[in-house]
């Protein structure tokens, strides 16, 4: 029984390690597999990570927010989802909190996040 648990945990650790280390405030480019009929393509969703929930568990998710045509769009991605092809880390953000929900009420320059150098 414990061998099975160790095997499953090692598989999850391996799946998690294929993604870069990112946190709230970072800008990421998530490559998502989209199925349209019997075709499959990869679509990119680029935005700022505003939170990571349930870290180091099987149900770990992260929320990415972007503004498209003046409308804020948020998507929640399970980190172990087979629909995520790749996660690219574009830039590291310098923030002091783990949840950036205050970005929802800001626009333009007020919604900027400093880059960690």
C-alpha atoms as a PDB file:
ATOM      1  CA  UNK A   1       0.000   0.000   0.000  1.00  0.00           C
ATOM      2  CA  UNK A   2       2.741   2.488   0.908  1.00  0.00           C
ATOM      3  CA  UNK A   3       4.591   1.608  -2.320  1.00  0.00           C
ATOM      4  CA  UNK A   4       1.527   2.650  -4.315  1.00  0.00           C
ATOM      5  CA  UNK A   5       1.302   5.959  -2.451  1.00  0.00           C
ATOM      6  CA  UNK A   6       4.990   6.655  -3.050  1.00  0.00           C
ATOM      7  CA  UNK A   7       4.545   5.858  -6.748  1.00  0.00           C
ATOM      8  CA  UNK A   8       1.603   8.259  -7.091  1.00  0.00           C
ATOM      9  CA  UNK A   9       3.414  10.998  -5.166  1.00  0.00           C
ATOM     10  CA  UNK A  10       6.490  10.619  -7.377  1.00  0.00           C
ATOM     11  CA  UNK A  11       4.311  10.918 -10.502  1.00  0.00           C
ATOM     12  CA  UNK A  12       2.749  14.140  -9.177  1.00  0.00           C
ATOM     13  CA  UNK A  13       6.174  15.522  -8.271  1.00  0.00           C
ATOM     14  CA  UNK A  14       7.410  14.715 -11.772  1.00  0.00           C
ATOM     15  CA  UNK A  15       4.370  16.387 -13.372  1.00  0.00           C
ATOM     16  CA  UNK A  16       4.840  19.487 -11.185  1.00  0.00           C
ATOM     17  CA  UNK A  17       8.544  19.727 -11.965  1.00  0.00           C
ATOM     18  CA  UNK A  18       7.925  20.164 -15.700  1.00  0.00           C
ATOM     19  CA  UNK A  19       6.466  23.623 -14.969  1.00  0.00           C
ATOM     20  CA  UNK A  20       8.644  26.582 -13.912  1.00  0.00           C
ATOM     21  CA  UNK A  21       8.551  27.906 -10.362  1.00  0.00           C
ATOM     22  CA  UNK A  22       6.133  30.849 -10.335  1.00  0.00           C
ATOM     23  CA  UNK A  23       4.034  32.700  -7.763  1.00  0.00           C
ATOM     24  CA  UNK A  24       1.511  35.517  -7.503  1.00  0.00           C
ATOM     25  CA  UNK A  25       2.609  38.638  -9.364  1.00  0.00           C
ATOM     26  CA  UNK A  26       4.477  36.787 -12.101  1.00  0.00           C
ATOM     27  CA  UNK A  27       3.490  37.133 -15.744  1.00  0.00           C
ATOM     28  CA  UNK A  28       3.045  33.750 -17.400  1.00  0.00           C
ATOM     29  CA  UNK A  29       2.108  32.425 -20.807  1.00  0.00           C
ATOM     30  CA  UNK A  30      -0.058  29.302 -20.433  1.00  0.00           C
ATOM     31  CA  UNK A  31      -0.283  27.056 -23.508  1.00  0.00           C
ATOM     32  CA  UNK A  32      -3.714  25.402 -23.322  1.00  0.00           C
ATOM     33  CA  UNK A  33      -4.899  22.545 -25.535  1.00  0.00           C
ATOM     34  CA  UNK A  34      -8.254  23.388 -27.141  1.00  0.00           C
ATOM     35  CA  UNK A  35     -10.450  20.723 -28.757  1.00  0.00           C
ATOM     36  CA  UNK A  36     -12.683  21.874 -31.613  1.00  0.00           C
ATOM     37  CA  UNK A  37     -14.612  18.935 -32.996  1.00  0.00           C
ATOM     38  CA  UNK A  38     -12.011  16.286 -33.753  1.00  0.00           C
ATOM     39  CA  UNK A  39      -9.133  18.784 -34.106  1.00  0.00           C
ATOM     40  CA  UNK A  40      -6.839  19.891 -31.315  1.00  0.00           C
ATOM     41  CA  UNK A  41      -4.812  23.089 -31.193  1.00  0.00           C
ATOM     42  CA  UNK A  42      -2.785  25.022 -28.638  1.00  0.00           C
ATOM     43  CA  UNK A  43      -3.964  28.457 -27.518  1.00  0.00           C
ATOM     44  CA  UNK A  44      -1.877  30.831 -25.424  1.00  0.00           C
ATOM     45  CA  UNK A  45      -3.289  32.701 -22.425  1.00  0.00           C
ATOM     46  CA  UNK A  46      -0.890  35.395 -21.208  1.00  0.00           C
ATOM     47  CA  UNK A  47      -1.512  37.279 -17.998  1.00  0.00           C
ATOM     48  CA  UNK A  48      -0.607  37.932 -14.390  1.00  0.00           C
ATOM     49  CA  UNK A  49      -0.904  35.224 -11.768  1.00  0.00           C
ATOM     50  CA  UNK A  50      -3.157  36.608  -9.029  1.00  0.00           C
ATOM     51  CA  UNK A  51      -3.202  33.534  -6.783  1.00  0.00           C
ATOM     52  CA  UNK A  52      -2.128  29.931  -6.253  1.00  0.00           C
ATOM     53  CA  UNK A  53      -4.427  27.723  -4.184  1.00  0.00           C
ATOM     54  CA  UNK A  54      -3.869  24.385  -2.437  1.00  0.00           C
ATOM     55  CA  UNK A  55      -0.152  24.373  -3.116  1.00  0.00           C
ATOM     56  CA  UNK A  56       1.662  21.022  -3.052  1.00  0.00           C
ATOM     57  CA  UNK A  57      -1.568  19.028  -3.346  1.00  0.00           C
ATOM     58  CA  UNK A  58      -3.212  17.200  -6.233  1.00  0.00           C
ATOM     59  CA  UNK A  59      -5.899  19.886  -6.475  1.00  0.00           C
ATOM     60  CA  UNK A  60      -3.475  22.792  -6.822  1.00  0.00           C
ATOM     61  CA  UNK A  61      -4.764  25.597  -9.052  1.00  0.00           C
ATOM     62  CA  UNK A  62      -3.584  29.005 -10.156  1.00  0.00           C
ATOM     63  CA  UNK A  63      -5.577  31.981 -11.435  1.00  0.00           C
ATOM     64  CA  UNK A  64      -4.328  34.103 -14.336  1.00  0.00           C
ATOM     65  CA  UNK A  65      -5.791  37.532 -15.121  1.00  0.00           C
ATOM     66  CA  UNK A  66      -5.462  39.543 -18.303  1.00  0.00           C
ATOM     67  CA  UNK A  67      -7.231  42.581 -19.747  1.00  0.00           C
ATOM     68  CA  UNK A  68      -8.583  42.142 -23.259  1.00  0.00           C
ATOM     69  CA  UNK A  69     -10.327  45.074 -24.997  1.00  0.00           C
ATOM     70  CA  UNK A  70     -10.779  46.820 -21.651  1.00  0.00           C
ATOM     71  CA  UNK A  71     -12.463  43.792 -20.054  1.00  0.00           C
ATOM     72  CA  UNK A  72     -10.717  41.797 -17.338  1.00  0.00           C
ATOM     73  CA  UNK A  73     -10.619  38.046 -17.962  1.00  0.00           C
ATOM     74  CA  UNK A  74      -9.608  35.504 -15.337  1.00  0.00           C
ATOM     75  CA  UNK A  75      -9.017  31.796 -15.885  1.00  0.00           C
ATOM     76  CA  UNK A  76      -8.399  29.158 -13.264  1.00  0.00           C
ATOM     77  CA  UNK A  77      -6.047  26.357 -14.287  1.00  0.00           C
ATOM     78  CA  UNK A  78      -5.395  23.106 -12.398  1.00  0.00           C
ATOM     79  CA  UNK A  79      -1.621  22.731 -12.315  1.00  0.00           C
ATOM     80  CA  UNK A  80      -1.772  18.993 -13.079  1.00  0.00           C
ATOM     81  CA  UNK A  81      -4.290  19.336 -15.915  1.00  0.00           C
ATOM     82  CA  UNK A  82      -3.519  17.326 -19.071  1.00  0.00           C
ATOM     83  CA  UNK A  83      -4.919  20.286 -21.054  1.00  0.00           C
ATOM     84  CA  UNK A  84      -1.953  22.467 -20.060  1.00  0.00           C
ATOM     85  CA  UNK A  85       0.746  21.914 -22.648  1.00  0.00           C
ATOM     86  CA  UNK A  86       3.334  24.284 -21.221  1.00  0.00           C
ATOM     87  CA  UNK A  87       3.735  27.218 -18.826  1.00  0.00           C
ATOM     88  CA  UNK A  88       6.231  29.928 -19.783  1.00  0.00           C
ATOM     89  CA  UNK A  89       7.491  32.382 -17.175  1.00  0.00           C
ATOM     90  CA  UNK A  90       7.669  35.792 -18.888  1.00  0.00           C
ATOM     91  CA  UNK A  91       8.652  38.020 -15.958  1.00  0.00           C
ATOM     92  CA  UNK A  92       8.928  37.842 -12.183  1.00  0.00           C
ATOM     93  CA  UNK A  93       6.811  40.311 -10.239  1.00  0.00           C
ATOM     94  CA  UNK A  94       7.802  42.048  -7.029  1.00  0.00           C
ATOM     95  CA  UNK A  95       4.791  41.772  -4.711  1.00  0.00           C
ATOM     96  CA  UNK A  96       4.355  41.489  -0.949  1.00  0.00           C
ATOM     97  CA  UNK A  97       1.259  39.323  -0.771  1.00  0.00           C
ATOM     98  CA  UNK A  98       0.003  35.981  -2.038  1.00  0.00           C
ATOM     99  CA  UNK A  99      -3.427  37.114  -3.298  1.00  0.00           C
ATOM    100  CA  UNK A 100      -3.604  40.048  -5.703  1.00  0.00           C
ATOM    101  CA  UNK A 101      -7.358  40.596  -5.830  1.00  0.00           C
ATOM    102  CA  UNK A 102      -6.830  44.365  -5.580  1.00  0.00           C
ATOM    103  CA  UNK A 103      -5.809  44.300  -9.269  1.00  0.00           C
ATOM    104  CA  UNK A 104      -9.468  43.711 -10.188  1.00  0.00           C
ATOM    105  CA  UNK A 105     -10.338  47.292  -9.267  1.00  0.00           C
ATOM    106  CA  UNK A 106      -7.403  48.894 -11.073  1.00  0.00           C
ATOM    107  CA  UNK A 107      -6.800  49.842 -14.682  1.00  0.00           C
ATOM    108  CA  UNK A 108      -3.861  50.986 -16.769  1.00  0.00           C
ATOM    109  CA  UNK A 109      -0.787  52.208 -14.938  1.00  0.00           C
ATOM    110  CA  UNK A 110      -2.357  51.608 -11.527  1.00  0.00           C
ATOM    111  CA  UNK A 111      -2.444  47.875 -12.282  1.00  0.00           C
ATOM    112  CA  UNK A 112       1.288  47.621 -13.006  1.00  0.00           C
ATOM    113  CA  UNK A 113       3.539  45.341 -10.978  1.00  0.00           C
ATOM    114  CA  UNK A 114       7.226  46.095 -10.554  1.00  0.00           C
ATOM    115  CA  UNK A 115       9.635  43.554 -11.961  1.00  0.00           C
ATOM    116  CA  UNK A 116      11.951  41.658  -9.643  1.00  0.00           C
ATOM    117  CA  UNK A 117      15.521  42.133 -10.839  1.00  0.00           C
END
